[in-house]
């Protein structure tokens, strides 16, 4: 296999992941967001009243999932929203999946 073929396949699989697996993972993570997390932090003063309305229902709930994911990766963002001990309100599997999703989505965005 030549270098050009390898690069083509690499970019193809990244595009495939961006079009198929990442949206599916995003939907699943949004639907499985822990109720304890939402009850504890998805209200004032952590989110503004406008954000709670916009991110409370479809399609804004996807943004809410991303916001929680970014707070896991960058704890300073969580402190800016006065959110402390975020991992305590998430199951371990959800926290790992959310981190992997955000990192994969960021990586695919930079590659494509």
PDB file of N, CA and C in Angstrom:
ATOM      1  N   UNK A   1       0.841  -1.172   0.000  1.00  0.00           N
ATOM      2  CA  UNK A   1       0.000   0.000   0.000  1.00  0.00           C
ATOM      3  C   UNK A   1       0.893   1.244   0.000  1.00  0.00           C
ATOM      4  N   UNK A   2       0.604   2.139  -0.871  1.00  0.00           N
ATOM      5  CA  UNK A   2       1.414   3.356  -0.968  1.00  0.00           C
ATOM      6  C   UNK A   2       0.980   4.357   0.108  1.00  0.00           C
ATOM      7  N   UNK A   3       1.782   5.377   0.261  1.00  0.00           N
ATOM      8  CA  UNK A   3       1.488   6.417   1.238  1.00  0.00           C
ATOM      9  C   UNK A   3       0.198   7.146   0.863  1.00  0.00           C
ATOM     10  N   UNK A   4       0.006   7.397  -0.412  1.00  0.00           N
ATOM     11  CA  UNK A   4      -1.201   8.088  -0.865  1.00  0.00           C
ATOM     12  C   UNK A   4      -2.447   7.262  -0.561  1.00  0.00           C
ATOM     13  N   UNK A   5      -2.392   5.959  -0.781  1.00  0.00           N
ATOM     14  CA  UNK A   5      -3.540   5.102  -0.473  1.00  0.00           C
ATOM     15  C   UNK A   5      -3.812   5.079   1.024  1.00  0.00           C
ATOM     16  N   UNK A   6      -2.743   5.020   1.817  1.00  0.00           N
ATOM     17  CA  UNK A   6      -2.901   5.019   3.266  1.00  0.00           C
ATOM     18  C   UNK A   6      -3.549   6.312   3.747  1.00  0.00           C
ATOM     19  N   UNK A   7      -3.082   7.442   3.242  1.00  0.00           N
ATOM     20  CA  UNK A   7      -3.663   8.729   3.634  1.00  0.00           C
ATOM     21  C   UNK A   7      -5.116   8.842   3.190  1.00  0.00           C
ATOM     22  N   UNK A   8      -5.414   8.332   1.990  1.00  0.00           N
ATOM     23  CA  UNK A   8      -6.793   8.344   1.524  1.00  0.00           C
ATOM     24  C   UNK A   8      -7.688   7.548   2.469  1.00  0.00           C
ATOM     25  N   UNK A   9      -7.254   6.350   2.844  1.00  0.00           N
ATOM     26  CA  UNK A   9      -8.051   5.522   3.753  1.00  0.00           C
ATOM     27  C   UNK A   9      -8.185   6.160   5.129  1.00  0.00           C
ATOM     28  N   UNK A  10      -7.133   6.784   5.598  1.00  0.00           N
ATOM     29  CA  UNK A  10      -7.179   7.455   6.887  1.00  0.00           C
ATOM     30  C   UNK A  10      -8.208   8.584   6.882  1.00  0.00           C
ATOM     31  N   UNK A  11      -8.163   9.419   5.879  1.00  0.00           N
ATOM     32  CA  UNK A  11      -9.124  10.526   5.780  1.00  0.00           C
ATOM     33  C   UNK A  11     -10.541   9.985   5.573  1.00  0.00           C
ATOM     34  N   UNK A  12     -10.678   8.928   4.792  1.00  0.00           N
ATOM     35  CA  UNK A  12     -11.995   8.322   4.582  1.00  0.00           C
ATOM     36  C   UNK A  12     -12.589   7.853   5.897  1.00  0.00           C
ATOM     37  N   UNK A  13     -11.810   7.164   6.716  1.00  0.00           N
ATOM     38  CA  UNK A  13     -12.339   6.654   7.983  1.00  0.00           C
ATOM     39  C   UNK A  13     -12.635   7.784   8.960  1.00  0.00           C
ATOM     40  N   UNK A  14     -11.854   8.848   8.937  1.00  0.00           N
ATOM     41  CA  UNK A  14     -12.177  10.004   9.777  1.00  0.00           C
ATOM     42  C   UNK A  14     -13.492  10.644   9.332  1.00  0.00           C
ATOM     43  N   UNK A  15     -13.689  10.763   8.032  1.00  0.00           N
ATOM     44  CA  UNK A  15     -14.947  11.327   7.533  1.00  0.00           C
ATOM     45  C   UNK A  15     -16.114  10.414   7.877  1.00  0.00           C
ATOM     46  N   UNK A  16     -15.914   9.114   7.760  1.00  0.00           N
ATOM     47  CA  UNK A  16     -16.952   8.145   8.120  1.00  0.00           C
ATOM     48  C   UNK A  16     -17.320   8.287   9.593  1.00  0.00           C
ATOM     49  N   UNK A  17     -16.311   8.425  10.433  1.00  0.00           N
ATOM     50  CA  UNK A  17     -16.574   8.612  11.865  1.00  0.00           C
ATOM     51  C   UNK A  17     -17.341   9.905  12.115  1.00  0.00           C
ATOM     52  N   UNK A  18     -16.963  10.957  11.398  1.00  0.00           N
ATOM     53  CA  UNK A  18     -17.631  12.245  11.587  1.00  0.00           C
ATOM     54  C   UNK A  18     -19.086  12.200  11.142  1.00  0.00           C
ATOM     55  N   UNK A  19     -19.371  11.428  10.112  1.00  0.00           N
ATOM     56  CA  UNK A  19     -20.736  11.403   9.572  1.00  0.00           C
ATOM     57  C   UNK A  19     -21.645  10.365  10.223  1.00  0.00           C
ATOM     58  N   UNK A  20     -21.075   9.283  10.741  1.00  0.00           N
ATOM     59  CA  UNK A  20     -21.897   8.186  11.251  1.00  0.00           C
ATOM     60  C   UNK A  20     -21.782   8.027  12.759  1.00  0.00           C
ATOM     61  N   UNK A  21     -20.574   7.803  13.251  1.00  0.00           N
ATOM     62  CA  UNK A  21     -20.420   7.421  14.650  1.00  0.00           C
ATOM     63  C   UNK A  21     -20.527   8.588  15.610  1.00  0.00           C
ATOM     64  N   UNK A  22     -19.991   9.734  15.282  1.00  0.00           N
ATOM     65  CA  UNK A  22     -20.061  10.858  16.216  1.00  0.00           C
ATOM     66  C   UNK A  22     -21.490  11.362  16.424  1.00  0.00           C
ATOM     67  N   UNK A  23     -22.302  11.531  15.384  1.00  0.00           N
ATOM     68  CA  UNK A  23     -23.687  11.926  15.651  1.00  0.00           C
ATOM     69  C   UNK A  23     -24.464  10.879  16.464  1.00  0.00           C
ATOM     70  N   UNK A  24     -24.212   9.601  16.185  1.00  0.00           N
ATOM     71  CA  UNK A  24     -24.884   8.547  16.952  1.00  0.00           C
ATOM     72  C   UNK A  24     -24.454   8.597  18.417  1.00  0.00           C
ATOM     73  N   UNK A  25     -23.173   8.780  18.659  1.00  0.00           N
ATOM     74  CA  UNK A  25     -22.680   8.875  20.035  1.00  0.00           C
ATOM     75  C   UNK A  25     -23.251  10.101  20.734  1.00  0.00           C
ATOM     76  N   UNK A  26     -23.358  11.206  20.018  1.00  0.00           N
ATOM     77  CA  UNK A  26     -23.899  12.440  20.590  1.00  0.00           C
ATOM     78  C   UNK A  26     -25.357  12.253  21.002  1.00  0.00           C
ATOM     79  N   UNK A  27     -26.136  11.621  20.166  1.00  0.00           N
ATOM     80  CA  UNK A  27     -27.544  11.364  20.483  1.00  0.00           C
ATOM     81  C   UNK A  27     -27.653  10.460  21.709  1.00  0.00           C
ATOM     82  N   UNK A  28     -26.867   9.401  21.753  1.00  0.00           N
ATOM     83  CA  UNK A  28     -26.931   8.463  22.878  1.00  0.00           C
ATOM     84  C   UNK A  28     -26.499   9.145  24.172  1.00  0.00           C
ATOM     85  N   UNK A  29     -25.408   9.906  24.129  1.00  0.00           N
ATOM     86  CA  UNK A  29     -24.954  10.597  25.338  1.00  0.00           C
ATOM     87  C   UNK A  29     -25.966  11.638  25.811  1.00  0.00           C
ATOM     88  N   UNK A  30     -26.630  12.299  24.885  1.00  0.00           N
ATOM     89  CA  UNK A  30     -27.638  13.285  25.269  1.00  0.00           C
ATOM     90  C   UNK A  30     -28.842  12.602  25.915  1.00  0.00           C
ATOM     91  N   UNK A  31     -29.270  11.494  25.348  1.00  0.00           N
ATOM     92  CA  UNK A  31     -30.413  10.781  25.920  1.00  0.00           C
ATOM     93  C   UNK A  31     -30.087  10.154  27.267  1.00  0.00           C
ATOM     94  N   UNK A  32     -28.833   9.783  27.486  1.00  0.00           N
ATOM     95  CA  UNK A  32     -28.438   9.121  28.728  1.00  0.00           C
ATOM     96  C   UNK A  32     -27.792  10.065  29.747  1.00  0.00           C
ATOM     97  N   UNK A  33     -27.961  11.367  29.562  1.00  0.00           N
ATOM     98  CA  UNK A  33     -27.418  12.317  30.535  1.00  0.00           C
ATOM     99  C   UNK A  33     -28.046  12.035  31.899  1.00  0.00           C
ATOM    100  N   UNK A  34     -27.221  11.855  32.926  1.00  0.00           N
ATOM    101  CA  UNK A  34     -27.760  11.508  34.249  1.00  0.00           C
ATOM    102  C   UNK A  34     -28.694  12.578  34.800  1.00  0.00           C
ATOM    103  N   UNK A  35     -29.821  12.156  35.302  1.00  0.00           N
ATOM    104  CA  UNK A  35     -30.820  13.063  35.870  1.00  0.00           C
ATOM    105  C   UNK A  35     -30.240  13.805  37.074  1.00  0.00           C
ATOM    106  N   UNK A  36     -29.404  13.131  37.871  1.00  0.00           N
ATOM    107  CA  UNK A  36     -28.779  13.768  39.028  1.00  0.00           C
ATOM    108  C   UNK A  36     -27.923  14.952  38.608  1.00  0.00           C
ATOM    109  N   UNK A  37     -27.212  14.814  37.507  1.00  0.00           N
ATOM    110  CA  UNK A  37     -26.390  15.898  36.978  1.00  0.00           C
ATOM    111  C   UNK A  37     -27.260  17.081  36.552  1.00  0.00           C
ATOM    112  N   UNK A  38     -28.332  16.792  35.860  1.00  0.00           N
ATOM    113  CA  UNK A  38     -29.219  17.866  35.404  1.00  0.00           C
ATOM    114  C   UNK A  38     -29.903  18.561  36.581  1.00  0.00           C
ATOM    115  N   UNK A  39     -30.338  17.778  37.563  1.00  0.00           N
ATOM    116  CA  UNK A  39     -31.008  18.376  38.720  1.00  0.00           C
ATOM    117  C   UNK A  39     -30.060  19.241  39.540  1.00  0.00           C
ATOM    118  N   UNK A  40     -28.804  18.851  39.613  1.00  0.00           N
ATOM    119  CA  UNK A  40     -27.834  19.579  40.424  1.00  0.00           C
ATOM    120  C   UNK A  40     -27.307  20.836  39.736  1.00  0.00           C
ATOM    121  N   UNK A  41     -26.974  20.730  38.449  1.00  0.00           N
ATOM    122  CA  UNK A  41     -26.252  21.823  37.795  1.00  0.00           C
ATOM    123  C   UNK A  41     -26.974  22.507  36.645  1.00  0.00           C
ATOM    124  N   UNK A  42     -28.029  21.945  36.113  1.00  0.00           N
ATOM    125  CA  UNK A  42     -28.686  22.583  34.970  1.00  0.00           C
ATOM    126  C   UNK A  42     -29.767  23.536  35.457  1.00  0.00           C
ATOM    127  N   UNK A  43     -29.335  24.561  36.168  1.00  0.00           N
ATOM    128  CA  UNK A  43     -30.219  25.596  36.699  1.00  0.00           C
ATOM    129  C   UNK A  43     -29.356  26.801  37.055  1.00  0.00           C
ATOM    130  N   UNK A  44     -30.007  27.856  37.515  1.00  0.00           N
ATOM    131  CA  UNK A  44     -29.258  29.032  37.947  1.00  0.00           C
ATOM    132  C   UNK A  44     -28.524  28.692  39.235  1.00  0.00           C
ATOM    133  N   UNK A  45     -27.379  29.199  39.509  1.00  0.00           N
ATOM    134  CA  UNK A  45     -26.578  30.209  38.843  1.00  0.00           C
ATOM    135  C   UNK A  45     -25.608  29.626  37.815  1.00  0.00           C
ATOM    136  N   UNK A  46     -25.666  28.316  37.601  1.00  0.00           N
ATOM    137  CA  UNK A  46     -24.713  27.662  36.707  1.00  0.00           C
ATOM    138  C   UNK A  46     -25.025  27.927  35.230  1.00  0.00           C
ATOM    139  N   UNK A  47     -26.276  28.003  34.912  1.00  0.00           N
ATOM    140  CA  UNK A  47     -26.733  28.334  33.560  1.00  0.00           C
ATOM    141  C   UNK A  47     -27.719  29.484  33.682  1.00  0.00           C
ATOM    142  N   UNK A  48     -27.686  30.383  32.724  1.00  0.00           N
ATOM    143  CA  UNK A  48     -28.616  31.508  32.752  1.00  0.00           C
ATOM    144  C   UNK A  48     -30.030  31.015  32.416  1.00  0.00           C
ATOM    145  N   UNK A  49     -31.056  31.797  32.743  1.00  0.00           N
ATOM    146  CA  UNK A  49     -32.423  31.388  32.395  1.00  0.00           C
ATOM    147  C   UNK A  49     -32.611  31.157  30.890  1.00  0.00           C
ATOM    148  N   UNK A  50     -31.955  31.973  30.087  1.00  0.00           N
ATOM    149  CA  UNK A  50     -32.043  31.798  28.635  1.00  0.00           C
ATOM    150  C   UNK A  50     -31.420  30.470  28.220  1.00  0.00           C
ATOM    151  N   UNK A  51     -30.282  30.137  28.792  1.00  0.00           N
ATOM    152  CA  UNK A  51     -29.623  28.874  28.455  1.00  0.00           C
ATOM    153  C   UNK A  51     -30.460  27.678  28.893  1.00  0.00           C
ATOM    154  N   UNK A  52     -31.085  27.754  30.046  1.00  0.00           N
ATOM    155  CA  UNK A  52     -31.896  26.623  30.492  1.00  0.00           C
ATOM    156  C   UNK A  52     -33.081  26.389  29.567  1.00  0.00           C
ATOM    157  N   UNK A  53     -33.633  27.457  29.025  1.00  0.00           N
ATOM    158  CA  UNK A  53     -34.733  27.294  28.072  1.00  0.00           C
ATOM    159  C   UNK A  53     -34.208  26.751  26.746  1.00  0.00           C
ATOM    160  N   UNK A  54     -33.117  27.333  26.255  1.00  0.00           N
ATOM    161  CA  UNK A  54     -32.585  26.921  24.950  1.00  0.00           C
ATOM    162  C   UNK A  54     -32.007  25.511  24.983  1.00  0.00           C
ATOM    163  N   UNK A  55     -31.322  25.145  26.060  1.00  0.00           N
ATOM    164  CA  UNK A  55     -30.645  23.851  26.135  1.00  0.00           C
ATOM    165  C   UNK A  55     -31.498  22.773  26.793  1.00  0.00           C
ATOM    166  N   UNK A  56     -32.701  23.097  27.186  1.00  0.00           N
ATOM    167  CA  UNK A  56     -33.549  22.139  27.887  1.00  0.00           C
ATOM    168  C   UNK A  56     -34.233  21.134  26.977  1.00  0.00           C
ATOM    169  N   UNK A  57     -34.487  21.494  25.765  1.00  0.00           N
ATOM    170  CA  UNK A  57     -35.210  20.626  24.832  1.00  0.00           C
ATOM    171  C   UNK A  57     -34.409  20.455  23.552  1.00  0.00           C
ATOM    172  N   UNK A  58     -34.873  19.549  22.706  1.00  0.00           N
ATOM    173  CA  UNK A  58     -34.262  19.314  21.404  1.00  0.00           C
ATOM    174  C   UNK A  58     -34.364  20.582  20.568  1.00  0.00           C
ATOM    175  N   UNK A  59     -33.378  20.976  19.839  1.00  0.00           N
ATOM    176  CA  UNK A  59     -32.035  20.458  19.617  1.00  0.00           C
ATOM    177  C   UNK A  59     -30.988  21.028  20.567  1.00  0.00           C
ATOM    178  N   UNK A  60     -31.385  21.940  21.450  1.00  0.00           N
ATOM    179  CA  UNK A  60     -30.420  22.558  22.361  1.00  0.00           C
ATOM    180  C   UNK A  60     -29.811  21.607  23.364  1.00  0.00           C
ATOM    181  N   UNK A  61     -30.489  20.488  23.613  1.00  0.00           N
ATOM    182  CA  UNK A  61     -29.954  19.526  24.575  1.00  0.00           C
ATOM    183  C   UNK A  61     -28.609  18.964  24.117  1.00  0.00           C
ATOM    184  N   UNK A  62     -28.370  18.966  22.808  1.00  0.00           N
ATOM    185  CA  UNK A  62     -27.073  18.524  22.308  1.00  0.00           C
ATOM    186  C   UNK A  62     -25.964  19.486  22.732  1.00  0.00           C
ATOM    187  N   UNK A  63     -26.269  20.769  22.738  1.00  0.00           N
ATOM    188  CA  UNK A  63     -25.291  21.768  23.177  1.00  0.00           C
ATOM    189  C   UNK A  63     -25.008  21.586  24.663  1.00  0.00           C
ATOM    190  N   UNK A  64     -26.048  21.309  25.448  1.00  0.00           N
ATOM    191  CA  UNK A  64     -25.874  21.081  26.878  1.00  0.00           C
ATOM    192  C   UNK A  64     -24.915  19.911  27.129  1.00  0.00           C
ATOM    193  N   UNK A  65     -25.069  18.848  26.359  1.00  0.00           N
ATOM    194  CA  UNK A  65     -24.177  17.693  26.489  1.00  0.00           C
ATOM    195  C   UNK A  65     -22.742  18.095  26.171  1.00  0.00           C
ATOM    196  N   UNK A  66     -22.554  18.883  25.146  1.00  0.00           N
ATOM    197  CA  UNK A  66     -21.209  19.351  24.790  1.00  0.00           C
ATOM    198  C   UNK A  66     -20.621  20.249  25.869  1.00  0.00           C
ATOM    199  N   UNK A  67     -21.449  21.093  26.457  1.00  0.00           N
ATOM    200  CA  UNK A  67     -20.971  21.981  27.521  1.00  0.00           C
ATOM    201  C   UNK A  67     -20.470  21.162  28.704  1.00  0.00           C
ATOM    202  N   UNK A  68     -21.215  20.153  29.100  1.00  0.00           N
ATOM    203  CA  UNK A  68     -20.762  19.298  30.196  1.00  0.00           C
ATOM    204  C   UNK A  68     -19.480  18.561  29.817  1.00  0.00           C
ATOM    205  N   UNK A  69     -19.362  18.156  28.570  1.00  0.00           N
ATOM    206  CA  UNK A  69     -18.144  17.490  28.116  1.00  0.00           C
ATOM    207  C   UNK A  69     -16.933  18.403  28.169  1.00  0.00           C
ATOM    208  N   UNK A  70     -17.099  19.636  27.717  1.00  0.00           N
ATOM    209  CA  UNK A  70     -15.984  20.579  27.762  1.00  0.00           C
ATOM    210  C   UNK A  70     -15.600  20.905  29.195  1.00  0.00           C
ATOM    211  N   UNK A  71     -16.571  20.917  30.089  1.00  0.00           N
ATOM    212  CA  UNK A  71     -16.256  21.176  31.498  1.00  0.00           C
ATOM    213  C   UNK A  71     -15.442  20.043  32.112  1.00  0.00           C
ATOM    214  N   UNK A  72     -15.651  18.829  31.627  1.00  0.00           N
ATOM    215  CA  UNK A  72     -14.841  17.708  32.112  1.00  0.00           C
ATOM    216  C   UNK A  72     -13.401  17.821  31.645  1.00  0.00           C
ATOM    217  N   UNK A  73     -13.222  18.246  30.408  1.00  0.00           N
ATOM    218  CA  UNK A  73     -11.877  18.327  29.845  1.00  0.00           C
ATOM    219  C   UNK A  73     -11.139  19.581  30.336  1.00  0.00           C
ATOM    220  N   UNK A  74     -11.851  20.683  30.446  1.00  0.00           N
ATOM    221  CA  UNK A  74     -11.262  21.944  30.922  1.00  0.00           C
ATOM    222  C   UNK A  74     -11.959  22.372  32.211  1.00  0.00           C
ATOM    223  N   UNK A  75     -11.442  21.966  33.363  1.00  0.00           N
ATOM    224  CA  UNK A  75     -12.099  22.292  34.642  1.00  0.00           C
ATOM    225  C   UNK A  75     -12.228  23.784  34.918  1.00  0.00           C
ATOM    226  N   UNK A  76     -11.394  24.618  34.303  1.00  0.00           N
ATOM    227  CA  UNK A  76     -11.535  26.069  34.512  1.00  0.00           C
ATOM    228  C   UNK A  76     -12.861  26.582  33.960  1.00  0.00           C
ATOM    229  N   UNK A  77     -13.350  25.959  32.897  1.00  0.00           N
ATOM    230  CA  UNK A  77     -14.658  26.342  32.364  1.00  0.00           C
ATOM    231  C   UNK A  77     -15.755  26.029  33.379  1.00  0.00           C
ATOM    232  N   UNK A  78     -15.606  24.926  34.092  1.00  0.00           N
ATOM    233  CA  UNK A  78     -16.588  24.555  35.118  1.00  0.00           C
ATOM    234  C   UNK A  78     -16.546  25.546  36.278  1.00  0.00           C
ATOM    235  N   UNK A  79     -15.364  25.967  36.656  1.00  0.00           N
ATOM    236  CA  UNK A  79     -15.252  26.938  37.745  1.00  0.00           C
ATOM    237  C   UNK A  79     -15.850  28.276  37.343  1.00  0.00           C
ATOM    238  N   UNK A  80     -15.756  28.619  36.070  1.00  0.00           N
ATOM    239  CA  UNK A  80     -16.364  29.858  35.580  1.00  0.00           C
ATOM    240  C   UNK A  80     -17.877  29.831  35.715  1.00  0.00           C
ATOM    241  N   UNK A  81     -18.469  28.646  35.656  1.00  0.00           N
ATOM    242  CA  UNK A  81     -19.915  28.491  35.841  1.00  0.00           C
ATOM    243  C   UNK A  81     -20.263  28.100  37.269  1.00  0.00           C
ATOM    244  N   UNK A  82     -19.292  28.159  38.164  1.00  0.00           N
ATOM    245  CA  UNK A  82     -19.459  27.802  39.574  1.00  0.00           C
ATOM    246  C   UNK A  82     -19.901  26.352  39.736  1.00  0.00           C
ATOM    247  N   UNK A  83     -19.335  25.479  38.929  1.00  0.00           N
ATOM    248  CA  UNK A  83     -19.624  24.053  39.017  1.00  0.00           C
ATOM    249  C   UNK A  83     -18.398  23.362  39.583  1.00  0.00           C
ATOM    250  N   UNK A  84     -18.597  22.709  40.721  1.00  0.00           N
ATOM    251  CA  UNK A  84     -17.512  22.015  41.393  1.00  0.00           C
ATOM    252  C   UNK A  84     -17.902  20.547  41.553  1.00  0.00           C
ATOM    253  N   UNK A  85     -16.908  19.678  41.533  1.00  0.00           N
ATOM    254  CA  UNK A  85     -17.126  18.236  41.720  1.00  0.00           C
ATOM    255  C   UNK A  85     -18.053  17.642  40.671  1.00  0.00           C
ATOM    256  N   UNK A  86     -17.901  18.058  39.447  1.00  0.00           N
ATOM    257  CA  UNK A  86     -18.740  17.560  38.365  1.00  0.00           C
ATOM    258  C   UNK A  86     -18.681  16.039  38.225  1.00  0.00           C
ATOM    259  N   UNK A  87     -17.504  15.409  38.324  1.00  0.00           N
ATOM    260  CA  UNK A  87     -17.470  13.945  38.167  1.00  0.00           C
ATOM    261  C   UNK A  87     -18.236  13.180  39.247  1.00  0.00           C
ATOM    262  N   UNK A  88     -18.500  13.794  40.382  1.00  0.00           N
ATOM    263  CA  UNK A  88     -19.256  13.105  41.437  1.00  0.00           C
ATOM    264  C   UNK A  88     -20.705  12.841  41.045  1.00  0.00           C
ATOM    265  N   UNK A  89     -21.220  13.605  40.110  1.00  0.00           N
ATOM    266  CA  UNK A  89     -22.622  13.484  39.712  1.00  0.00           C
ATOM    267  C   UNK A  89     -22.795  12.743  38.396  1.00  0.00           C
ATOM    268  N   UNK A  90     -21.718  12.107  37.934  1.00  0.00           N
ATOM    269  CA  UNK A  90     -21.774  11.329  36.692  1.00  0.00           C
ATOM    270  C   UNK A  90     -21.294   9.914  36.964  1.00  0.00           C
ATOM    271  N   UNK A  91     -21.937   8.927  36.359  1.00  0.00           N
ATOM    272  CA  UNK A  91     -21.358   7.582  36.432  1.00  0.00           C
ATOM    273  C   UNK A  91     -20.014   7.558  35.693  1.00  0.00           C
ATOM    274  N   UNK A  92     -19.150   6.681  36.110  1.00  0.00           N
ATOM    275  CA  UNK A  92     -17.813   6.592  35.518  1.00  0.00           C
ATOM    276  C   UNK A  92     -17.881   6.330  34.012  1.00  0.00           C
ATOM    277  N   UNK A  93     -18.786   5.438  33.580  1.00  0.00           N
ATOM    278  CA  UNK A  93     -18.884   5.104  32.156  1.00  0.00           C
ATOM    279  C   UNK A  93     -19.320   6.328  31.352  1.00  0.00           C
ATOM    280  N   UNK A  94     -20.230   7.141  31.914  1.00  0.00           N
ATOM    281  CA  UNK A  94     -20.704   8.334  31.201  1.00  0.00           C
ATOM    282  C   UNK A  94     -19.577   9.351  31.074  1.00  0.00           C
ATOM    283  N   UNK A  95     -18.810   9.524  32.145  1.00  0.00           N
ATOM    284  CA  UNK A  95     -17.712  10.479  32.127  1.00  0.00           C
ATOM    285  C   UNK A  95     -16.660  10.081  31.091  1.00  0.00           C
ATOM    286  N   UNK A  96     -16.322   8.808  31.031  1.00  0.00           N
ATOM    287  CA  UNK A  96     -15.331   8.338  30.059  1.00  0.00           C
ATOM    288  C   UNK A  96     -15.856   8.514  28.638  1.00  0.00           C
ATOM    289  N   UNK A  97     -17.098   8.117  28.400  1.00  0.00           N
ATOM    290  CA  UNK A  97     -17.685   8.242  27.053  1.00  0.00           C
ATOM    291  C   UNK A  97     -17.782   9.700  26.618  1.00  0.00           C
ATOM    292  N   UNK A  98     -18.155  10.577  27.542  1.00  0.00           N
ATOM    293  CA  UNK A  98     -18.279  11.995  27.206  1.00  0.00           C
ATOM    294  C   UNK A  98     -16.921  12.601  26.869  1.00  0.00           C
ATOM    295  N   UNK A  99     -15.905  12.254  27.632  1.00  0.00           N
ATOM    296  CA  UNK A  99     -14.551  12.744  27.313  1.00  0.00           C
ATOM    297  C   UNK A  99     -14.083  12.230  25.956  1.00  0.00           C
ATOM    298  N   UNK A 100     -14.290  10.955  25.701  1.00  0.00           N
ATOM    299  CA  UNK A 100     -13.891  10.388  24.410  1.00  0.00           C
ATOM    300  C   UNK A 100     -14.643  11.047  23.268  1.00  0.00           C
ATOM    301  N   UNK A 101     -15.928  11.307  23.461  1.00  0.00           N
ATOM    302  CA  UNK A 101     -16.717  11.958  22.413  1.00  0.00           C
ATOM    303  C   UNK A 101     -16.168  13.343  22.094  1.00  0.00           C
ATOM    304  N   UNK A 102     -15.935  14.156  23.126  1.00  0.00           N
ATOM    305  CA  UNK A 102     -15.462  15.524  22.893  1.00  0.00           C
ATOM    306  C   UNK A 102     -14.086  15.515  22.243  1.00  0.00           C
ATOM    307  N   UNK A 103     -13.204  14.658  22.713  1.00  0.00           N
ATOM    308  CA  UNK A 103     -11.869  14.588  22.110  1.00  0.00           C
ATOM    309  C   UNK A 103     -11.926  14.078  20.672  1.00  0.00           C
ATOM    310  N   UNK A 104     -12.752  13.075  20.411  1.00  0.00           N
ATOM    311  CA  UNK A 104     -12.879  12.552  19.042  1.00  0.00           C
ATOM    312  C   UNK A 104     -13.488  13.591  18.112  1.00  0.00           C
ATOM    313  N   UNK A 105     -14.505  14.293  18.578  1.00  0.00           N
ATOM    314  CA  UNK A 105     -15.135  15.317  17.739  1.00  0.00           C
ATOM    315  C   UNK A 105     -14.152  16.441  17.429  1.00  0.00           C
ATOM    316  N   UNK A 106     -13.349  16.806  18.403  1.00  0.00           N
ATOM    317  CA  UNK A 106     -12.350  17.850  18.179  1.00  0.00           C
ATOM    318  C   UNK A 106     -11.283  17.374  17.204  1.00  0.00           C
ATOM    319  N   UNK A 107     -10.824  16.138  17.363  1.00  0.00           N
ATOM    320  CA  UNK A 107      -9.801  15.582  16.482  1.00  0.00           C
ATOM    321  C   UNK A 107     -10.302  15.489  15.045  1.00  0.00           C
ATOM    322  N   UNK A 108     -11.508  14.998  14.861  1.00  0.00           N
ATOM    323  CA  UNK A 108     -12.066  14.862  13.510  1.00  0.00           C
ATOM    324  C   UNK A 108     -12.219  16.244  12.870  1.00  0.00           C
ATOM    325  N   UNK A 109     -12.605  17.236  13.660  1.00  0.00           N
ATOM    326  CA  UNK A 109     -12.771  18.579  13.125  1.00  0.00           C
ATOM    327  C   UNK A 109     -11.436  19.126  12.608  1.00  0.00           C
ATOM    328  N   UNK A 110     -10.353  18.854  13.308  1.00  0.00           N
ATOM    329  CA  UNK A 110      -9.055  19.356  12.881  1.00  0.00           C
ATOM    330  C   UNK A 110      -8.502  18.588  11.684  1.00  0.00           C
ATOM    331  N   UNK A 111      -8.841  17.307  11.575  1.00  0.00           N
ATOM    332  CA  UNK A 111      -8.309  16.500  10.476  1.00  0.00           C
ATOM    333  C   UNK A 111      -9.023  16.802   9.172  1.00  0.00           C
ATOM    334  N   UNK A 112     -10.330  16.990   9.259  1.00  0.00           N
ATOM    335  CA  UNK A 112     -11.116  17.163   8.020  1.00  0.00           C
ATOM    336  C   UNK A 112     -11.074  18.600   7.576  1.00  0.00           C
TER     337      UNK A 112
END
